[in-house]
Amino acid sequence: MFRWMRELWVGSDLVEFESSFGLAESVERLKAATRHWAMFTPFREAAVGTVTESRVSLQRVIPMVRNSFKPLFVGRFQVRQNQVVLTGRFALHWSVKLFMGFWFGFCVLFTALVLFTAVPGPHATFMPLEGLAMMACGIGVMRICMWFSRNDQAWLSDVIRTALSNQVAIASKGLPPDELRSSPKRPPTVIVIVTAVLAFQGLMFCVSAITDIQPSLGDPSGSVFTHYADVRLRYLSVIYGAVMLPLTFDVYRQRMFAWRMGFLALFGGAALQALGLLAREDLGNARQTIIFCVASLVITIVWACWWYAQRVHFHD
């Protein structure tokens, strides 16, 4: 526990990456393997940050994933006996440390004030537990977020080693190591999650068509359950669900065909939702639903861009 708290505030032990090149070339190669702005890689995993001779600050950016508690590599280039070495630590961003310091400080102050100034009463005994609960909540959120980013340190280390090693083809393209490895025996976590989501979606459409309860669309009168306005929509829904269920198996096996069919699954679901709206007889009172469908289309396009970036996980 104390070691974890120390790494949280101070950072990891000092790490070093030896370069096979001179100082100027090492800086240029690491720049080529990383990106300066995350906005230029919105749909692709990349190492993002600043690379100069005096300061290197890099973080792993995953498309559509935001985690403030992920580790950053902060270091600088040094020359020791004609050997270029990148030294630094993996640590949280200073703003995260400041925020959590304020959070824990407030919890400790609140608990202390309650213990010394609380008026005796039936509920006074439990008031100190509120401060402890807030502190435990903060620790829990940090542990969960840091667990999600548990592979970032190794991933960034691979990117740095690849850029500073004598592998010209890899460093010149700036490809992350995950794209250069063969498919692992165990599917990545993102593939497992996508498989579960697609299986649930396919099952939901099949059950919806069988029970004649249309998903996602409510009734303007306030009814949550609505029936299909056209029997052909039921047929399309059951076909869509029947296609989705076997597709999940190929997604789990990381087949390229499944990746291509993933776009059909995304836009097919949006099309079924739009057809369900157009088939209704109360379009004049469905302004909110129309706005929702337009927003759904925009979100579908964003997810399609994200799905395009997942191509690295699939193979023929």
C-alpha atoms as a PDB file:
ATOM      1  CA  MET A   1       0.000   0.000   0.000  1.00  0.00           C
ATOM      2  CA  PHE A   2       2.759   2.442   0.970  1.00  0.00           C
ATOM      3  CA  ARG A   3       4.752   1.519  -2.135  1.00  0.00           C
ATOM      4  CA  TRP A   4       1.694   2.197  -4.271  1.00  0.00           C
ATOM      5  CA  MET A   5       1.200   5.608  -2.643  1.00  0.00           C
ATOM      6  CA  ARG A   6       4.887   6.413  -3.153  1.00  0.00           C
ATOM      7  CA  GLU A   7       4.738   5.521  -6.866  1.00  0.00           C
ATOM      8  CA  LEU A   8       1.570   7.571  -7.110  1.00  0.00           C
ATOM      9  CA  TRP A   9       3.180  10.801  -5.923  1.00  0.00           C
ATOM     10  CA  VAL A  10       6.854  10.314  -6.805  1.00  0.00           C
ATOM     11  CA  GLY A  11       6.591   8.049  -9.837  1.00  0.00           C
ATOM     12  CA  SER A  12       8.285   4.815 -10.785  1.00  0.00           C
ATOM     13  CA  ASP A  13      11.946   4.030 -10.301  1.00  0.00           C
ATOM     14  CA  LEU A  14      14.334   5.703 -12.713  1.00  0.00           C
ATOM     15  CA  VAL A  15      14.319   3.977 -16.113  1.00  0.00           C
ATOM     16  CA  GLU A  16      16.871   4.288 -18.902  1.00  0.00           C
ATOM     17  CA  PHE A  17      16.710   3.657 -22.642  1.00  0.00           C
ATOM     18  CA  GLU A  18      20.015   3.419 -24.493  1.00  0.00           C
ATOM     19  CA  SER A  19      20.122   4.736 -28.036  1.00  0.00           C
ATOM     20  CA  SER A  20      22.073   3.294 -30.947  1.00  0.00           C
ATOM     21  CA  PHE A  21      22.436   6.739 -32.518  1.00  0.00           C
ATOM     22  CA  GLY A  22      23.737  10.203 -31.818  1.00  0.00           C
ATOM     23  CA  LEU A  23      21.849  12.788 -29.807  1.00  0.00           C
ATOM     24  CA  ALA A  24      20.308  14.716 -32.703  1.00  0.00           C
ATOM     25  CA  GLU A  25      19.324  11.580 -34.601  1.00  0.00           C
ATOM     26  CA  SER A  26      17.866   9.992 -31.464  1.00  0.00           C
ATOM     27  CA  VAL A  27      15.614  13.001 -30.952  1.00  0.00           C
ATOM     28  CA  GLU A  28      14.478  12.944 -34.579  1.00  0.00           C
ATOM     29  CA  ARG A  29      13.773   9.205 -34.527  1.00  0.00           C
ATOM     30  CA  LEU A  30      11.709   9.451 -31.361  1.00  0.00           C
ATOM     31  CA  LYS A  31       9.794  12.383 -32.860  1.00  0.00           C
ATOM     32  CA  ALA A  32       9.064  10.290 -35.953  1.00  0.00           C
ATOM     33  CA  ALA A  33       7.718   7.448 -33.808  1.00  0.00           C
ATOM     34  CA  THR A  34       5.395   9.734 -31.826  1.00  0.00           C
ATOM     35  CA  ARG A  35       2.909  12.518 -32.403  1.00  0.00           C
ATOM     36  CA  HIS A  36       2.968  16.012 -30.975  1.00  0.00           C
ATOM     37  CA  TRP A  37      -0.820  16.481 -30.861  1.00  0.00           C
ATOM     38  CA  ALA A  38      -3.494  13.886 -30.126  1.00  0.00           C
ATOM     39  CA  MET A  39      -5.952  15.637 -32.478  1.00  0.00           C
ATOM     40  CA  PHE A  40      -3.950  14.434 -35.478  1.00  0.00           C
ATOM     41  CA  THR A  41      -4.461  10.778 -34.473  1.00  0.00           C
ATOM     42  CA  PRO A  42      -8.134  10.723 -33.462  1.00  0.00           C
ATOM     43  CA  PHE A  43      -8.764   7.185 -34.719  1.00  0.00           C
ATOM     44  CA  ARG A  44      -5.415   5.530 -34.110  1.00  0.00           C
ATOM     45  CA  GLU A  45      -3.489   4.536 -31.024  1.00  0.00           C
ATOM     46  CA  ALA A  46      -0.290   6.543 -30.680  1.00  0.00           C
ATOM     47  CA  ALA A  47       2.351   7.869 -28.323  1.00  0.00           C
ATOM     48  CA  VAL A  48       1.717  11.600 -27.987  1.00  0.00           C
ATOM     49  CA  GLY A  49       3.763  14.332 -26.378  1.00  0.00           C
ATOM     50  CA  THR A  50       6.836  16.543 -26.517  1.00  0.00           C
ATOM     51  CA  VAL A  51      10.256  15.337 -27.640  1.00  0.00           C
ATOM     52  CA  THR A  52      13.275  17.643 -27.325  1.00  0.00           C
ATOM     53  CA  GLU A  53      16.861  17.204 -26.177  1.00  0.00           C
ATOM     54  CA  SER A  54      16.116  18.683 -22.754  1.00  0.00           C
ATOM     55  CA  ARG A  55      12.638  17.249 -22.170  1.00  0.00           C
ATOM     56  CA  VAL A  56      10.643  14.207 -23.233  1.00  0.00           C
ATOM     57  CA  SER A  57       7.023  13.838 -22.134  1.00  0.00           C
ATOM     58  CA  LEU A  58       4.962  11.035 -23.687  1.00  0.00           C
ATOM     59  CA  GLN A  59       1.626   9.409 -23.020  1.00  0.00           C
ATOM     60  CA  ARG A  60      -0.362   6.652 -24.673  1.00  0.00           C
ATOM     61  CA  VAL A  61      -3.474   7.938 -26.443  1.00  0.00           C
ATOM     62  CA  ILE A  62      -6.205   5.422 -27.260  1.00  0.00           C
ATOM     63  CA  PRO A  63      -9.018   6.567 -29.579  1.00  0.00           C
ATOM     64  CA  MET A  64     -12.236   7.472 -27.749  1.00  0.00           C
ATOM     65  CA  VAL A  65     -10.739   6.593 -24.353  1.00  0.00           C
ATOM     66  CA  ARG A  66     -10.076   9.219 -21.702  1.00  0.00           C
ATOM     67  CA  ASN A  67      -8.129   8.299 -18.567  1.00  0.00           C
ATOM     68  CA  SER A  68      -6.486  11.026 -16.514  1.00  0.00           C
ATOM     69  CA  PHE A  69      -4.813   8.500 -14.205  1.00  0.00           C
ATOM     70  CA  LYS A  70      -2.639   6.900 -16.872  1.00  0.00           C
ATOM     71  CA  PRO A  71       1.153   7.047 -16.473  1.00  0.00           C
ATOM     72  CA  LEU A  72       3.222   9.532 -18.459  1.00  0.00           C
ATOM     73  CA  PHE A  73       6.886   9.136 -19.246  1.00  0.00           C
ATOM     74  CA  VAL A  74       8.840  12.254 -18.318  1.00  0.00           C
ATOM     75  CA  GLY A  75      12.580  12.388 -18.895  1.00  0.00           C
ATOM     76  CA  ARG A  76      15.446  13.868 -20.872  1.00  0.00           C
ATOM     77  CA  PHE A  77      18.294  12.821 -23.142  1.00  0.00           C
ATOM     78  CA  GLN A  78      21.774  12.549 -21.669  1.00  0.00           C
ATOM     79  CA  VAL A  79      25.189  11.725 -23.119  1.00  0.00           C
ATOM     80  CA  ARG A  80      27.414   9.451 -21.038  1.00  0.00           C
ATOM     81  CA  GLN A  81      30.795   8.457 -22.403  1.00  0.00           C
ATOM     82  CA  ASN A  82      29.665   8.943 -26.005  1.00  0.00           C
ATOM     83  CA  GLN A  83      26.495   6.937 -25.295  1.00  0.00           C
ATOM     84  CA  VAL A  84      23.094   8.628 -25.670  1.00  0.00           C
ATOM     85  CA  VAL A  85      20.687   7.591 -22.920  1.00  0.00           C
ATOM     86  CA  LEU A  86      17.077   8.632 -22.352  1.00  0.00           C
ATOM     87  CA  THR A  87      16.387   8.696 -18.604  1.00  0.00           C
ATOM     88  CA  GLY A  88      13.132   9.416 -16.826  1.00  0.00           C
ATOM     89  CA  ARG A  89      10.218   8.123 -14.783  1.00  0.00           C
ATOM     90  CA  PHE A  90       6.660   7.015 -15.336  1.00  0.00           C
ATOM     91  CA  ALA A  91       4.329   9.148 -13.238  1.00  0.00           C
ATOM     92  CA  LEU A  92       0.913  10.768 -13.173  1.00  0.00           C
ATOM     93  CA  HIS A  93       0.354  14.233 -14.582  1.00  0.00           C
ATOM     94  CA  TRP A  94       0.992  17.022 -12.091  1.00  0.00           C
ATOM     95  CA  SER A  95      -2.595  18.285 -12.367  1.00  0.00           C
ATOM     96  CA  VAL A  96      -3.922  14.862 -11.337  1.00  0.00           C
ATOM     97  CA  LYS A  97      -1.606  14.851  -8.323  1.00  0.00           C
ATOM     98  CA  LEU A  98      -2.810  18.334  -7.395  1.00  0.00           C
ATOM     99  CA  PHE A  99      -6.463  17.341  -7.694  1.00  0.00           C
ATOM    100  CA  MET A 100      -6.065  14.160  -5.652  1.00  0.00           C
ATOM    101  CA  GLY A 101      -4.023  16.040  -3.055  1.00  0.00           C
ATOM    102  CA  PHE A 102      -6.904  18.500  -2.700  1.00  0.00           C
ATOM    103  CA  TRP A 103      -9.398  15.614  -2.527  1.00  0.00           C
ATOM    104  CA  PHE A 104      -7.560  13.694   0.186  1.00  0.00           C
ATOM    105  CA  GLY A 105      -6.717  16.872   2.066  1.00  0.00           C
ATOM    106  CA  PHE A 106     -10.376  17.888   2.139  1.00  0.00           C
ATOM    107  CA  CYS A 107     -11.379  14.402   3.331  1.00  0.00           C
ATOM    108  CA  VAL A 108      -8.827  14.476   6.157  1.00  0.00           C
ATOM    109  CA  LEU A 109      -9.822  18.018   7.176  1.00  0.00           C
ATOM    110  CA  PHE A 110     -13.525  17.148   7.104  1.00  0.00           C
ATOM    111  CA  THR A 111     -12.984  14.045   9.239  1.00  0.00           C
ATOM    112  CA  ALA A 112     -10.846  15.944  11.749  1.00  0.00           C
ATOM    113  CA  LEU A 113     -13.380  18.774  12.079  1.00  0.00           C
ATOM    114  CA  VAL A 114     -16.210  16.314  12.593  1.00  0.00           C
ATOM    115  CA  LEU A 115     -14.293  14.432  15.278  1.00  0.00           C
ATOM    116  CA  PHE A 116     -13.430  17.540  17.293  1.00  0.00           C
ATOM    117  CA  THR A 117     -16.416  19.839  16.719  1.00  0.00           C
ATOM    118  CA  ALA A 118     -19.407  17.574  16.161  1.00  0.00           C
ATOM    119  CA  VAL A 119     -22.303  18.031  18.571  1.00  0.00           C
ATOM    120  CA  PRO A 120     -23.159  14.757  20.350  1.00  0.00           C
ATOM    121  CA  GLY A 121     -26.220  13.169  18.813  1.00  0.00           C
ATOM    122  CA  PRO A 122     -27.621   9.956  17.354  1.00  0.00           C
ATOM    123  CA  HIS A 123     -26.044  10.646  13.945  1.00  0.00           C
ATOM    124  CA  ALA A 124     -22.771  12.170  15.125  1.00  0.00           C
ATOM    125  CA  THR A 125     -21.101   8.765  15.412  1.00  0.00           C
ATOM    126  CA  PHE A 126     -21.438   8.101  11.689  1.00  0.00           C
ATOM    127  CA  MET A 127     -20.320  11.523  10.445  1.00  0.00           C
ATOM    128  CA  PRO A 128     -16.566  10.715  10.506  1.00  0.00           C
ATOM    129  CA  LEU A 129     -17.326   7.711   8.339  1.00  0.00           C
ATOM    130  CA  GLU A 130     -18.488  10.059   5.579  1.00  0.00           C
ATOM    131  CA  GLY A 131     -15.001  11.531   5.238  1.00  0.00           C
ATOM    132  CA  LEU A 132     -13.445   8.080   5.282  1.00  0.00           C
ATOM    133  CA  ALA A 133     -15.948   6.910   2.672  1.00  0.00           C
ATOM    134  CA  MET A 134     -15.051   9.830   0.391  1.00  0.00           C
ATOM    135  CA  MET A 135     -11.367   8.998   0.797  1.00  0.00           C
ATOM    136  CA  ALA A 136     -12.027   5.332   0.023  1.00  0.00           C
ATOM    137  CA  CYS A 137     -14.054   6.365  -3.023  1.00  0.00           C
ATOM    138  CA  GLY A 138     -11.144   8.459  -4.316  1.00  0.00           C
ATOM    139  CA  ILE A 139      -8.701   5.597  -3.806  1.00  0.00           C
ATOM    140  CA  GLY A 140     -11.088   3.191  -5.517  1.00  0.00           C
ATOM    141  CA  VAL A 141     -11.486   5.416  -8.579  1.00  0.00           C
ATOM    142  CA  MET A 142      -7.725   5.815  -8.831  1.00  0.00           C
ATOM    143  CA  ARG A 143      -7.090   2.082  -8.544  1.00  0.00           C
ATOM    144  CA  ILE A 144      -9.685   1.262 -11.198  1.00  0.00           C
ATOM    145  CA  CYS A 145      -8.388   3.886 -13.640  1.00  0.00           C
ATOM    146  CA  MET A 146      -4.796   2.823 -13.067  1.00  0.00           C
ATOM    147  CA  TRP A 147      -5.807  -0.791 -13.651  1.00  0.00           C
ATOM    148  CA  PHE A 148      -7.249   0.176 -17.030  1.00  0.00           C
ATOM    149  CA  SER A 149      -3.908   1.782 -17.931  1.00  0.00           C
ATOM    150  CA  ARG A 150      -1.788  -1.041 -16.493  1.00  0.00           C
ATOM    151  CA  ASN A 151      -0.214  -1.808 -19.887  1.00  0.00           C
ATOM    152  CA  ASP A 152       0.652   1.793 -20.798  1.00  0.00           C
ATOM    153  CA  GLN A 153       4.104   1.712 -19.219  1.00  0.00           C
ATOM    154  CA  ALA A 154       5.164  -1.391 -21.158  1.00  0.00           C
ATOM    155  CA  TRP A 155       3.582  -0.038 -24.353  1.00  0.00           C
ATOM    156  CA  LEU A 156       5.411   3.284 -24.131  1.00  0.00           C
ATOM    157  CA  SER A 157       8.654   1.482 -23.311  1.00  0.00           C
ATOM    158  CA  ASP A 158       8.295  -0.602 -26.479  1.00  0.00           C
ATOM    159  CA  VAL A 159       7.701   2.508 -28.573  1.00  0.00           C
ATOM    160  CA  ILE A 160      10.781   4.230 -27.146  1.00  0.00           C
ATOM    161  CA  ARG A 161      13.022   1.166 -27.507  1.00  0.00           C
ATOM    162  CA  THR A 162      11.870   0.618 -31.080  1.00  0.00           C
ATOM    163  CA  ALA A 163      12.554   4.237 -32.019  1.00  0.00           C
ATOM    164  CA  LEU A 164      16.012   4.284 -30.444  1.00  0.00           C
ATOM    165  CA  SER A 165      17.082   0.861 -31.692  1.00  0.00           C
ATOM    166  CA  ASN A 166      18.628   0.051 -35.049  1.00  0.00           C
ATOM    167  CA  GLN A 167      15.366  -0.785 -36.845  1.00  0.00           C
ATOM    168  CA  VAL A 168      15.125   1.768 -39.633  1.00  0.00           C
ATOM    169  CA  ALA A 169      11.936   0.552 -41.261  1.00  0.00           C
ATOM    170  CA  ILE A 170       9.941   0.508 -38.078  1.00  0.00           C
ATOM    171  CA  ALA A 171      11.118   3.847 -36.725  1.00  0.00           C
ATOM    172  CA  SER A 172      10.699   5.674 -40.022  1.00  0.00           C
ATOM    173  CA  LYS A 173       7.050   4.699 -40.245  1.00  0.00           C
ATOM    174  CA  GLY A 174       6.383   5.454 -36.606  1.00  0.00           C
ATOM    175  CA  LEU A 175       4.206   2.377 -36.173  1.00  0.00           C
ATOM    176  CA  PRO A 176       3.449   1.214 -32.646  1.00  0.00           C
ATOM    177  CA  PRO A 177       4.756  -2.250 -31.777  1.00  0.00           C
ATOM    178  CA  ASP A 178       1.271  -3.773 -31.552  1.00  0.00           C
ATOM    179  CA  GLU A 179       0.866  -3.373 -35.302  1.00  0.00           C
ATOM    180  CA  LEU A 180       4.034  -5.309 -36.024  1.00  0.00           C
ATOM    181  CA  ARG A 181       3.352  -8.372 -33.940  1.00  0.00           C
ATOM    182  CA  SER A 182       1.496 -11.447 -35.001  1.00  0.00           C
ATOM    183  CA  SER A 183      -1.968 -11.960 -33.673  1.00  0.00           C
ATOM    184  CA  PRO A 184      -1.847 -13.079 -30.045  1.00  0.00           C
ATOM    185  CA  LYS A 185      -3.386 -16.375 -28.981  1.00  0.00           C
ATOM    186  CA  ARG A 186      -5.683 -14.539 -26.616  1.00  0.00           C
ATOM    187  CA  PRO A 187      -7.829 -11.787 -28.175  1.00  0.00           C
ATOM    188  CA  PRO A 188      -7.207  -8.238 -26.937  1.00  0.00           C
ATOM    189  CA  THR A 189      -9.604  -6.814 -24.367  1.00  0.00           C
ATOM    190  CA  VAL A 190     -11.198  -4.517 -26.948  1.00  0.00           C
ATOM    191  CA  ILE A 191     -12.080  -7.532 -29.125  1.00  0.00           C
ATOM    192  CA  VAL A 192     -13.672  -9.324 -26.179  1.00  0.00           C
ATOM    193  CA  ILE A 193     -15.759  -6.252 -25.330  1.00  0.00           C
ATOM    194  CA  VAL A 194     -16.851  -5.741 -28.955  1.00  0.00           C
ATOM    195  CA  THR A 195     -17.803  -9.420 -29.184  1.00  0.00           C
ATOM    196  CA  ALA A 196     -20.001  -9.142 -26.095  1.00  0.00           C
ATOM    197  CA  VAL A 197     -21.665  -5.936 -27.345  1.00  0.00           C
ATOM    198  CA  LEU A 198     -22.403  -7.395 -30.791  1.00  0.00           C
ATOM    199  CA  ALA A 199     -23.793 -10.595 -29.274  1.00  0.00           C
ATOM    200  CA  PHE A 200     -26.091  -8.591 -27.008  1.00  0.00           C
ATOM    201  CA  GLN A 201     -27.207  -6.377 -29.894  1.00  0.00           C
ATOM    202  CA  GLY A 202     -27.962  -9.359 -32.134  1.00  0.00           C
ATOM    203  CA  LEU A 203     -29.897 -11.096 -29.367  1.00  0.00           C
ATOM    204  CA  MET A 204     -31.811  -7.896 -28.603  1.00  0.00           C
ATOM    205  CA  PHE A 205     -32.975  -7.495 -32.215  1.00  0.00           C
ATOM    206  CA  CYS A 206     -34.032 -11.146 -32.436  1.00  0.00           C
ATOM    207  CA  VAL A 207     -36.037 -10.934 -29.215  1.00  0.00           C
ATOM    208  CA  SER A 208     -37.500  -7.603 -30.338  1.00  0.00           C
ATOM    209  CA  ALA A 209     -38.738  -9.072 -33.618  1.00  0.00           C
ATOM    210  CA  ILE A 210     -40.200 -12.146 -31.919  1.00  0.00           C
ATOM    211  CA  THR A 211     -42.008 -10.204 -29.180  1.00  0.00           C
ATOM    212  CA  ASP A 212     -43.031  -7.320 -31.500  1.00  0.00           C
ATOM    213  CA  ILE A 213     -41.544  -4.739 -29.137  1.00  0.00           C
ATOM    214  CA  GLN A 214     -39.528  -2.169 -31.047  1.00  0.00           C
ATOM    215  CA  PRO A 215     -36.195  -1.216 -29.422  1.00  0.00           C
ATOM    216  CA  SER A 216     -34.915   2.322 -28.860  1.00  0.00           C
ATOM    217  CA  LEU A 217     -38.096   4.115 -29.914  1.00  0.00           C
ATOM    218  CA  GLY A 218     -40.630   5.265 -27.358  1.00  0.00           C
ATOM    219  CA  ASP A 219     -44.097   6.642 -27.898  1.00  0.00           C
ATOM    220  CA  PRO A 220     -44.858  10.395 -27.691  1.00  0.00           C
ATOM    221  CA  SER A 221     -47.633   9.596 -25.236  1.00  0.00           C
ATOM    222  CA  GLY A 222     -45.045   8.314 -22.798  1.00  0.00           C
ATOM    223  CA  SER A 223     -45.282   4.608 -23.476  1.00  0.00           C
ATOM    224  CA  VAL A 224     -41.933   2.868 -23.314  1.00  0.00           C
ATOM    225  CA  PHE A 225     -42.998  -0.227 -25.258  1.00  0.00           C
ATOM    226  CA  THR A 226     -44.067   0.283 -28.860  1.00  0.00           C
ATOM    227  CA  HIS A 227     -44.918  -2.218 -31.569  1.00  0.00           C
ATOM    228  CA  TYR A 228     -43.514  -2.322 -35.083  1.00  0.00           C
ATOM    229  CA  ALA A 229     -45.490  -0.082 -37.420  1.00  0.00           C
ATOM    230  CA  ASP A 230     -44.675  -2.342 -40.377  1.00  0.00           C
ATOM    231  CA  VAL A 231     -44.314  -6.114 -40.313  1.00  0.00           C
ATOM    232  CA  ARG A 232     -41.435  -5.824 -42.779  1.00  0.00           C
ATOM    233  CA  LEU A 233     -39.415  -4.069 -40.102  1.00  0.00           C
ATOM    234  CA  ARG A 234     -39.829  -7.142 -37.913  1.00  0.00           C
ATOM    235  CA  TYR A 235     -38.435  -9.315 -40.681  1.00  0.00           C
ATOM    236  CA  LEU A 236     -35.501  -6.959 -41.169  1.00  0.00           C
ATOM    237  CA  SER A 237     -34.833  -6.931 -37.436  1.00  0.00           C
ATOM    238  CA  VAL A 238     -34.751 -10.697 -37.125  1.00  0.00           C
ATOM    239  CA  ILE A 239     -32.486 -10.933 -40.195  1.00  0.00           C
ATOM    240  CA  TYR A 240     -30.197  -8.288 -38.731  1.00  0.00           C
ATOM    241  CA  GLY A 241     -30.047 -10.116 -35.407  1.00  0.00           C
ATOM    242  CA  ALA A 242     -29.476 -13.471 -37.107  1.00  0.00           C
ATOM    243  CA  VAL A 243     -26.531 -12.008 -39.030  1.00  0.00           C
ATOM    244  CA  MET A 244     -25.072 -10.359 -35.942  1.00  0.00           C
ATOM    245  CA  LEU A 245     -24.936 -13.522 -33.832  1.00  0.00           C
ATOM    246  CA  PRO A 246     -22.582 -15.546 -36.087  1.00  0.00           C
ATOM    247  CA  LEU A 247     -20.632 -12.366 -36.838  1.00  0.00           C
ATOM    248  CA  THR A 248     -19.622 -12.173 -33.187  1.00  0.00           C
ATOM    249  CA  PHE A 249     -17.815 -15.497 -33.521  1.00  0.00           C
ATOM    250  CA  ASP A 250     -15.668 -14.219 -36.393  1.00  0.00           C
ATOM    251  CA  VAL A 251     -14.990 -10.978 -34.524  1.00  0.00           C
ATOM    252  CA  TYR A 252     -13.711 -13.003 -31.577  1.00  0.00           C
ATOM    253  CA  ARG A 253     -11.488 -14.980 -33.961  1.00  0.00           C
ATOM    254  CA  GLN A 254     -10.272 -11.645 -35.400  1.00  0.00           C
ATOM    255  CA  ARG A 255     -11.115 -12.433 -39.006  1.00  0.00           C
ATOM    256  CA  MET A 256     -10.773  -9.648 -41.575  1.00  0.00           C
ATOM    257  CA  PHE A 257     -14.200 -10.507 -42.984  1.00  0.00           C
ATOM    258  CA  ALA A 258     -15.727  -9.745 -39.593  1.00  0.00           C
ATOM    259  CA  TRP A 259     -13.976  -6.369 -39.522  1.00  0.00           C
ATOM    260  CA  ARG A 260     -15.511  -5.470 -42.894  1.00  0.00           C
ATOM    261  CA  MET A 261     -18.933  -6.692 -41.785  1.00  0.00           C
ATOM    262  CA  GLY A 262     -18.619  -4.533 -38.683  1.00  0.00           C
ATOM    263  CA  PHE A 263     -19.374  -1.457 -40.784  1.00  0.00           C
ATOM    264  CA  LEU A 264     -22.538  -3.150 -42.032  1.00  0.00           C
ATOM    265  CA  ALA A 265     -23.519  -3.849 -38.449  1.00  0.00           C
ATOM    266  CA  LEU A 266     -23.001  -0.228 -37.422  1.00  0.00           C
ATOM    267  CA  PHE A 267     -24.852   1.430 -40.281  1.00  0.00           C
ATOM    268  CA  GLY A 268     -27.418  -1.368 -40.492  1.00  0.00           C
ATOM    269  CA  GLY A 269     -28.507  -0.685 -36.932  1.00  0.00           C
ATOM    270  CA  ALA A 270     -28.765   3.042 -37.644  1.00  0.00           C
ATOM    271  CA  ALA A 271     -30.750   2.342 -40.834  1.00  0.00           C
ATOM    272  CA  LEU A 272     -33.217   0.111 -38.992  1.00  0.00           C
ATOM    273  CA  GLN A 273     -33.742   2.843 -36.439  1.00  0.00           C
ATOM    274  CA  ALA A 274     -34.372   5.418 -39.189  1.00  0.00           C
ATOM    275  CA  LEU A 275     -36.799   3.101 -40.987  1.00  0.00           C
ATOM    276  CA  GLY A 276     -38.661   2.529 -37.760  1.00  0.00           C
ATOM    277  CA  LEU A 277     -39.056   6.283 -37.391  1.00  0.00           C
ATOM    278  CA  LEU A 278     -40.240   6.839 -40.969  1.00  0.00           C
ATOM    279  CA  ALA A 279     -42.817   4.070 -40.650  1.00  0.00           C
ATOM    280  CA  ARG A 280     -44.547   5.801 -37.738  1.00  0.00           C
ATOM    281  CA  GLU A 281     -47.785   7.678 -38.256  1.00  0.00           C
ATOM    282  CA  ASP A 282     -47.028  10.396 -35.702  1.00  0.00           C
ATOM    283  CA  LEU A 283     -44.000  12.014 -37.297  1.00  0.00           C
ATOM    284  CA  GLY A 284     -45.438  15.451 -36.613  1.00  0.00           C
ATOM    285  CA  ASN A 285     -45.100  14.841 -32.873  1.00  0.00           C
ATOM    286  CA  ALA A 286     -41.766  13.075 -33.025  1.00  0.00           C
ATOM    287  CA  ARG A 287     -39.395  16.041 -33.106  1.00  0.00           C
ATOM    288  CA  GLN A 288     -37.342  14.749 -30.200  1.00  0.00           C
ATOM    289  CA  THR A 289     -37.054  11.337 -31.801  1.00  0.00           C
ATOM    290  CA  ILE A 290     -35.878  12.879 -35.088  1.00  0.00           C
ATOM    291  CA  ILE A 291     -33.213  14.861 -33.249  1.00  0.00           C
ATOM    292  CA  PHE A 292     -32.200  11.693 -31.458  1.00  0.00           C
ATOM    293  CA  CYS A 293     -31.862   9.795 -34.743  1.00  0.00           C
ATOM    294  CA  VAL A 294     -29.723  12.542 -36.297  1.00  0.00           C
ATOM    295  CA  ALA A 295     -27.473  12.501 -33.248  1.00  0.00           C
ATOM    296  CA  SER A 296     -27.391   8.714 -33.462  1.00  0.00           C
ATOM    297  CA  LEU A 297     -26.180   8.934 -37.065  1.00  0.00           C
ATOM    298  CA  VAL A 298     -23.357  11.282 -36.084  1.00  0.00           C
ATOM    299  CA  ILE A 299     -22.350   8.956 -33.263  1.00  0.00           C
ATOM    300  CA  THR A 300     -22.479   6.002 -35.654  1.00  0.00           C
ATOM    301  CA  ILE A 301     -20.050   7.759 -38.008  1.00  0.00           C
ATOM    302  CA  VAL A 302     -17.679   8.423 -35.114  1.00  0.00           C
ATOM    303  CA  TRP A 303     -17.860   4.782 -34.049  1.00  0.00           C
ATOM    304  CA  ALA A 304     -17.221   3.727 -37.650  1.00  0.00           C
ATOM    305  CA  CYS A 305     -14.009   5.760 -37.646  1.00  0.00           C
ATOM    306  CA  TRP A 306     -13.016   4.078 -34.397  1.00  0.00           C
ATOM    307  CA  TRP A 307     -13.833   0.660 -35.858  1.00  0.00           C
ATOM    308  CA  TYR A 308     -11.622   1.458 -38.845  1.00  0.00           C
ATOM    309  CA  ALA A 309      -8.715   1.971 -36.454  1.00  0.00           C
ATOM    310  CA  GLN A 310      -9.275  -1.517 -35.001  1.00  0.00           C
ATOM    311  CA  ARG A 311      -8.195  -3.103 -38.284  1.00  0.00           C
ATOM    312  CA  VAL A 312      -4.792  -3.850 -36.747  1.00  0.00           C
ATOM    313  CA  HIS A 313      -6.405  -6.577 -34.629  1.00  0.00           C
ATOM    314  CA  PHE A 314      -7.797  -8.535 -37.599  1.00  0.00           C
ATOM    315  CA  HIS A 315      -6.179 -10.812 -40.164  1.00  0.00           C
ATOM    316  CA  ASP A 316      -7.167 -12.929 -43.174  1.00  0.00           C
END
